[in-house]
């Protein structure tokens, strides 16, 4: 399975993408804020395991917003 993540602050554009994906038979998943935070946390943990650096929690949450 291949995965594509598309983000936009424009709800109309997101809606158009979702409609098109449905029409061509692609599965669409919209992530909640909590799910995005969970994904970010897992990625940060994996990166930290590789190089043993630590990240301030405030920096982590700031990066989630970007």
N, C-alpha and C. Protein backbone atom coordinates (compact mmCIF):
# COMPACT_ATOMS: atom_id res chain seq x y z
N UNK A 1 0.83 -1.17 0.00
CA UNK A 1 0.00 0.00 0.00
C UNK A 1 0.88 1.24 0.00
N UNK A 2 0.52 2.21 -0.80
CA UNK A 2 1.20 3.51 -0.85
C UNK A 2 0.36 4.51 -0.07
N UNK A 3 1.03 5.48 0.53
CA UNK A 3 0.33 6.51 1.31
C UNK A 3 0.78 7.88 0.86
N UNK A 4 -0.18 8.78 0.72
CA UNK A 4 0.09 10.17 0.39
C UNK A 4 -0.57 11.03 1.47
N UNK A 5 0.16 12.00 1.97
CA UNK A 5 -0.41 12.94 2.94
C UNK A 5 -0.48 14.30 2.27
N UNK A 6 -1.67 14.86 2.25
CA UNK A 6 -1.89 16.17 1.65
C UNK A 6 -2.45 17.08 2.73
N UNK A 7 -1.87 18.26 2.87
CA UNK A 7 -2.39 19.18 3.89
C UNK A 7 -2.68 20.53 3.26
N UNK A 8 -3.71 21.16 3.78
CA UNK A 8 -4.09 22.49 3.32
C UNK A 8 -4.95 23.14 4.39
N UNK A 9 -4.86 24.44 4.49
CA UNK A 9 -5.73 25.16 5.41
C UNK A 9 -7.03 25.58 4.71
N UNK A 10 -7.14 25.28 3.43
CA UNK A 10 -8.31 25.64 2.65
C UNK A 10 -9.27 24.44 2.60
N UNK A 11 -10.35 24.53 3.35
CA UNK A 11 -11.31 23.41 3.44
C UNK A 11 -11.94 23.07 2.09
N UNK A 12 -12.14 24.06 1.26
CA UNK A 12 -12.76 23.81 -0.05
C UNK A 12 -11.85 22.93 -0.91
N UNK A 13 -10.56 23.24 -0.90
CA UNK A 13 -9.61 22.44 -1.67
C UNK A 13 -9.52 21.02 -1.13
N UNK A 14 -9.51 20.88 0.19
CA UNK A 14 -9.47 19.55 0.80
C UNK A 14 -10.71 18.76 0.40
N UNK A 15 -11.85 19.41 0.42
CA UNK A 15 -13.10 18.75 0.03
C UNK A 15 -13.04 18.27 -1.41
N UNK A 16 -12.50 19.09 -2.30
CA UNK A 16 -12.37 18.69 -3.71
C UNK A 16 -11.46 17.47 -3.86
N UNK A 17 -10.36 17.48 -3.15
CA UNK A 17 -9.42 16.34 -3.19
C UNK A 17 -10.12 15.07 -2.68
N UNK A 18 -10.85 15.21 -1.58
CA UNK A 18 -11.56 14.05 -1.02
C UNK A 18 -12.59 13.51 -1.99
N UNK A 19 -13.35 14.39 -2.63
CA UNK A 19 -14.36 13.96 -3.61
C UNK A 19 -13.71 13.21 -4.76
N UNK A 20 -12.62 13.76 -5.28
CA UNK A 20 -11.92 13.12 -6.39
C UNK A 20 -11.38 11.75 -5.98
N UNK A 21 -10.77 11.68 -4.81
CA UNK A 21 -10.23 10.42 -4.32
C UNK A 21 -11.34 9.37 -4.20
N UNK A 22 -12.49 9.77 -3.67
CA UNK A 22 -13.62 8.85 -3.57
C UNK A 22 -14.06 8.36 -4.95
N UNK A 23 -14.12 9.28 -5.91
CA UNK A 23 -14.56 8.93 -7.26
C UNK A 23 -13.66 7.90 -7.92
N UNK A 24 -12.36 8.00 -7.65
CA UNK A 24 -11.43 7.06 -8.31
C UNK A 24 -11.10 5.86 -7.43
N UNK A 25 -11.84 5.72 -6.33
CA UNK A 25 -11.72 4.51 -5.50
C UNK A 25 -10.58 4.50 -4.51
N UNK A 26 -10.09 5.67 -4.12
CA UNK A 26 -9.03 5.73 -3.13
C UNK A 26 -9.63 5.90 -1.73
N UNK A 27 -9.00 5.30 -0.76
CA UNK A 27 -9.43 5.44 0.63
C UNK A 27 -8.92 6.78 1.17
N UNK A 28 -9.79 7.51 1.87
CA UNK A 28 -9.44 8.82 2.41
C UNK A 28 -9.54 8.78 3.92
N UNK A 29 -8.54 9.31 4.59
CA UNK A 29 -8.53 9.39 6.05
C UNK A 29 -8.15 10.80 6.45
N UNK A 30 -8.99 11.43 7.26
CA UNK A 30 -8.68 12.76 7.79
C UNK A 30 -8.24 12.56 9.23
N UNK A 31 -7.05 13.05 9.56
CA UNK A 31 -6.50 12.87 10.89
C UNK A 31 -6.98 13.96 11.84
N UNK A 32 -7.29 13.56 13.07
CA UNK A 32 -7.63 14.53 14.10
C UNK A 32 -6.35 15.16 14.61
N UNK A 33 -6.49 16.24 15.36
CA UNK A 33 -5.32 16.89 15.95
C UNK A 33 -4.57 15.91 16.84
N UNK A 34 -5.29 15.12 17.60
CA UNK A 34 -4.65 14.14 18.49
C UNK A 34 -3.87 13.10 17.70
N UNK A 35 -4.43 12.63 16.60
CA UNK A 35 -3.73 11.64 15.78
C UNK A 35 -2.45 12.24 15.17
N UNK A 36 -2.52 13.50 14.74
CA UNK A 36 -1.32 14.15 14.20
C UNK A 36 -0.26 14.31 15.27
N UNK A 37 -0.67 14.64 16.49
CA UNK A 37 0.28 14.75 17.60
C UNK A 37 0.92 13.40 17.89
N UNK A 38 0.12 12.33 17.85
CA UNK A 38 0.65 10.99 18.08
C UNK A 38 1.69 10.61 17.03
N UNK A 39 1.40 10.91 15.78
CA UNK A 39 2.35 10.62 14.70
C UNK A 39 3.63 11.41 14.90
N UNK A 40 3.49 12.68 15.25
CA UNK A 40 4.67 13.51 15.51
C UNK A 40 5.49 12.99 16.67
N UNK A 41 4.82 12.52 17.71
CA UNK A 41 5.52 11.98 18.88
C UNK A 41 6.30 10.71 18.51
N UNK A 42 5.69 9.84 17.76
CA UNK A 42 6.37 8.61 17.33
C UNK A 42 7.59 8.95 16.47
N UNK A 43 7.43 9.87 15.54
CA UNK A 43 8.56 10.27 14.69
C UNK A 43 9.69 10.88 15.52
N UNK A 44 9.34 11.72 16.49
CA UNK A 44 10.36 12.32 17.35
C UNK A 44 11.07 11.26 18.18
N UNK A 45 10.32 10.29 18.66
CA UNK A 45 10.94 9.21 19.45
C UNK A 45 11.90 8.38 18.60
N UNK A 46 11.49 8.07 17.38
CA UNK A 46 12.36 7.31 16.48
C UNK A 46 13.64 8.09 16.17
N UNK A 47 13.50 9.37 15.91
CA UNK A 47 14.67 10.20 15.61
C UNK A 47 15.58 10.29 16.83
N UNK A 48 15.00 10.44 18.00
CA UNK A 48 15.78 10.51 19.24
C UNK A 48 16.54 9.22 19.51
N UNK A 49 15.94 8.09 19.16
CA UNK A 49 16.64 6.81 19.34
C UNK A 49 17.87 6.73 18.45
N UNK A 50 17.79 7.33 17.28
CA UNK A 50 18.91 7.26 16.34
C UNK A 50 20.11 8.08 16.81
N UNK A 51 19.86 9.30 17.28
CA UNK A 51 20.99 10.15 17.61
C UNK A 51 21.07 10.56 19.08
N UNK A 52 20.18 10.04 19.89
CA UNK A 52 20.21 10.22 21.35
C UNK A 52 20.05 11.67 21.81
N UNK A 53 19.53 12.55 20.93
CA UNK A 53 19.27 13.92 21.33
C UNK A 53 17.94 13.99 22.06
N UNK A 54 17.75 15.05 22.83
CA UNK A 54 16.47 15.30 23.46
C UNK A 54 15.88 16.58 22.88
N UNK A 55 14.57 16.68 22.97
CA UNK A 55 13.87 17.84 22.44
C UNK A 55 12.94 18.37 23.53
N UNK A 56 12.94 19.67 23.71
CA UNK A 56 12.01 20.26 24.67
C UNK A 56 10.58 20.05 24.19
N UNK A 57 9.69 19.80 25.13
CA UNK A 57 8.30 19.56 24.79
C UNK A 57 7.69 20.76 24.08
N UNK A 58 8.04 21.97 24.50
CA UNK A 58 7.51 23.17 23.85
C UNK A 58 7.95 23.24 22.39
N UNK A 59 9.18 22.84 22.11
CA UNK A 59 9.68 22.82 20.73
C UNK A 59 8.93 21.79 19.91
N UNK A 60 8.70 20.64 20.51
CA UNK A 60 7.97 19.57 19.84
C UNK A 60 6.58 20.05 19.41
N UNK A 61 5.84 20.65 20.35
CA UNK A 61 4.48 21.10 20.02
C UNK A 61 4.50 22.27 19.02
N UNK A 62 5.50 23.11 19.08
CA UNK A 62 5.62 24.19 18.11
C UNK A 62 5.82 23.61 16.71
N UNK A 63 6.64 22.57 16.61
CA UNK A 63 6.90 21.96 15.31
C UNK A 63 5.66 21.27 14.76
N UNK A 64 4.79 20.79 15.62
CA UNK A 64 3.55 20.17 15.16
C UNK A 64 2.66 21.17 14.44
N UNK A 65 2.70 22.40 14.90
CA UNK A 65 1.86 23.44 14.31
C UNK A 65 2.35 23.88 12.95
N UNK A 66 3.62 23.71 12.66
CA UNK A 66 4.20 24.16 11.38
C UNK A 66 3.84 23.29 10.22
